């Protein structure tokens, strides 16, 4: 199975925003993108940069993490579904809510994907963010095809 891996070092929010713009060139219409990283590692910041780059007409302040609602939908030519599953009690709650049905409707960005890992395709775009210090992040992008 072919495999691609890219790594970026970010030393600031501005660099993370630039990496978000680069990630846009890897995205395909119905990609599922999973974001792994500890609390405060920058998952939401990177997602915000990607969405802002894909949809410049969306107010950047309107792009927030849906921590309590689990899902925020951004209307664009290809809809963007931003999931934050940090507070999800169980995978059954995700299925019961019908959230998995969004995966084939547009781009899906998932924070805390480990909560539903068994539902995710092996071909997902996986982004790992490792906090190295207060400003520095190592961002690893992996795709199996």
Protein backbone atom coordinates (compact mmCIF):
# COMPACT_ATOMS: atom_id res chain seq x y z
CA UNK A 1 0.00 0.00 0.00
CA UNK A 2 1.64 3.32 -1.06
CA UNK A 3 2.37 5.69 1.79
CA UNK A 4 3.27 9.38 1.91
CA UNK A 5 4.67 11.26 4.90
CA UNK A 6 5.61 14.92 5.21
CA UNK A 7 6.97 16.77 8.24
CA UNK A 8 6.92 20.46 9.05
CA UNK A 9 8.37 22.42 11.94
CA UNK A 10 6.35 25.41 13.12
CA UNK A 11 7.82 28.06 15.40
CA UNK A 12 4.83 30.41 15.47
CA UNK A 13 1.12 30.76 14.72
CA UNK A 14 2.08 32.47 11.46
CA UNK A 15 4.13 29.44 10.41
CA UNK A 16 1.29 27.12 11.43
CA UNK A 17 -1.06 29.19 9.25
CA UNK A 18 1.35 28.81 6.31
CA UNK A 19 1.49 25.04 6.89
CA UNK A 20 -2.33 25.00 6.90
CA UNK A 21 -2.28 26.63 3.47
CA UNK A 22 0.15 23.97 2.21
CA UNK A 23 -2.08 21.19 3.56
CA UNK A 24 -4.91 22.50 1.36
CA UNK A 25 -2.98 21.37 -1.72
CA UNK A 26 -3.09 17.75 -0.43
CA UNK A 27 -6.84 17.70 0.17
CA UNK A 28 -9.31 15.92 -2.06
CA UNK A 29 -13.04 16.62 -2.23
CA UNK A 30 -14.27 13.99 0.27
CA UNK A 31 -11.18 13.58 2.43
CA UNK A 32 -11.43 12.65 6.05
CA UNK A 33 -8.62 14.37 7.95
CA UNK A 34 -7.81 13.27 11.48
CA UNK A 35 -5.88 15.54 13.86
CA UNK A 36 -3.97 13.86 16.68
CA UNK A 37 -2.25 15.75 19.47
CA UNK A 38 -2.40 16.54 23.14
CA UNK A 39 -4.69 19.18 24.58
CA UNK A 40 -3.32 22.58 23.54
CA UNK A 41 -1.08 21.19 20.81
CA UNK A 42 -2.65 23.36 18.10
CA UNK A 43 -5.21 21.12 16.39
CA UNK A 44 -7.88 23.83 16.26
CA UNK A 45 -5.36 26.48 15.20
CA UNK A 46 -4.26 24.33 12.25
CA UNK A 47 -7.86 23.50 11.27
CA UNK A 48 -8.73 27.20 11.42
CA UNK A 49 -5.82 27.96 9.06
CA UNK A 50 -6.93 25.25 6.62
CA UNK A 51 -10.58 26.34 6.60
CA UNK A 52 -9.59 30.01 6.23
CA UNK A 53 -7.42 29.12 3.26
CA UNK A 54 -10.11 26.98 1.62
CA UNK A 55 -12.95 29.45 2.33
CA UNK A 56 -11.60 33.01 2.51
CA UNK A 57 -15.16 34.41 2.74
CA UNK A 58 -15.78 32.69 6.08
CA UNK A 59 -15.09 34.99 9.02
CA UNK A 60 -12.00 33.54 10.72
CA UNK A 61 -13.53 34.30 14.14
CA UNK A 62 -16.48 32.06 13.24
CA UNK A 63 -14.14 29.08 12.96
CA UNK A 64 -14.05 27.63 16.45
CA UNK A 65 -13.78 24.18 17.90
CA UNK A 66 -17.21 22.58 18.44
CA UNK A 67 -16.19 21.13 21.80
CA UNK A 68 -19.70 21.01 23.26
CA UNK A 69 -21.75 20.46 20.08
CA UNK A 70 -19.29 17.99 18.45
CA UNK A 71 -19.86 19.40 14.94
CA UNK A 72 -19.56 22.72 13.17
CA UNK A 73 -20.55 22.92 9.49
CA UNK A 74 -18.96 25.44 7.14
CA UNK A 75 -20.87 25.98 3.93
CA UNK A 76 -18.62 26.12 0.91
CA UNK A 77 -18.56 24.65 -2.61
CA UNK A 78 -17.51 21.45 -0.84
CA UNK A 79 -19.03 21.49 2.66
CA UNK A 80 -16.58 21.27 5.56
CA UNK A 81 -17.51 19.31 8.68
CA UNK A 82 -15.38 20.10 11.73
CA UNK A 83 -15.75 17.56 14.53
CA UNK A 84 -14.32 17.88 18.03
CA UNK A 85 -14.85 14.60 19.86
CA UNK A 86 -12.98 15.42 23.08
CA UNK A 87 -16.15 15.15 25.17
CA UNK A 88 -17.75 12.27 23.24
CA UNK A 89 -18.72 9.64 25.83
CA UNK A 90 -18.70 6.62 23.49
CA UNK A 91 -18.49 5.62 19.84
CA UNK A 92 -22.16 4.61 20.02
CA UNK A 93 -23.09 8.25 20.67
CA UNK A 94 -21.33 9.24 17.45
CA UNK A 95 -23.19 6.58 15.49
CA UNK A 96 -26.54 7.32 17.15
CA UNK A 97 -26.19 11.00 16.19
CA UNK A 98 -25.62 9.98 12.55
CA UNK A 99 -22.37 11.94 12.37
CA UNK A 100 -20.66 9.21 10.31
CA UNK A 101 -23.07 10.01 7.45
CA UNK A 102 -21.28 13.34 6.92
CA UNK A 103 -18.07 11.57 5.88
CA UNK A 104 -19.28 11.12 2.30
CA UNK A 105 -20.79 14.61 1.98
CA UNK A 106 -17.68 16.81 2.00
CA UNK A 107 -14.39 17.39 3.80
CA UNK A 108 -14.34 16.13 7.37
CA UNK A 109 -11.84 17.40 9.93
CA UNK A 110 -11.79 15.43 13.20
CA UNK A 111 -10.15 16.48 16.44
CA UNK A 112 -9.71 13.62 18.92
CA UNK A 113 -10.32 10.91 16.29
CA UNK A 114 -9.09 8.22 18.68
CA UNK A 115 -12.66 8.26 20.11
CA UNK A 116 -13.96 6.71 16.85
CA UNK A 117 -10.82 5.20 15.33
CA UNK A 118 -12.50 1.94 14.33
CA UNK A 119 -14.92 3.90 12.09
CA UNK A 120 -12.22 5.73 10.16
CA UNK A 121 -10.85 4.55 6.82
CA UNK A 122 -7.19 3.57 6.57
CA UNK A 123 -6.88 6.04 3.66
CA UNK A 124 -7.61 9.05 5.86
CA UNK A 125 -5.16 11.91 5.94
CA UNK A 126 -3.57 11.74 9.39
CA UNK A 127 -2.02 14.82 10.97
CA UNK A 128 -0.07 14.48 14.20
CA UNK A 129 0.88 17.64 16.07
CA UNK A 130 3.56 17.37 18.71
CA UNK A 131 4.17 20.30 21.02
CA UNK A 132 7.90 20.72 21.49
CA UNK A 133 7.76 23.89 23.57
CA UNK A 134 5.41 26.85 24.06
CA UNK A 135 5.72 28.04 20.43
CA UNK A 136 7.27 25.13 18.56
CA UNK A 137 5.29 22.29 16.95
CA UNK A 138 6.27 19.29 14.85
CA UNK A 139 3.49 18.57 12.34
CA UNK A 140 3.54 15.16 10.64
CA UNK A 141 1.19 14.45 7.73
CA UNK A 142 0.59 10.87 6.62
CA UNK A 143 -1.57 9.36 3.90
CA UNK A 144 -2.04 5.78 2.82
CA UNK A 145 -3.60 5.29 -0.57
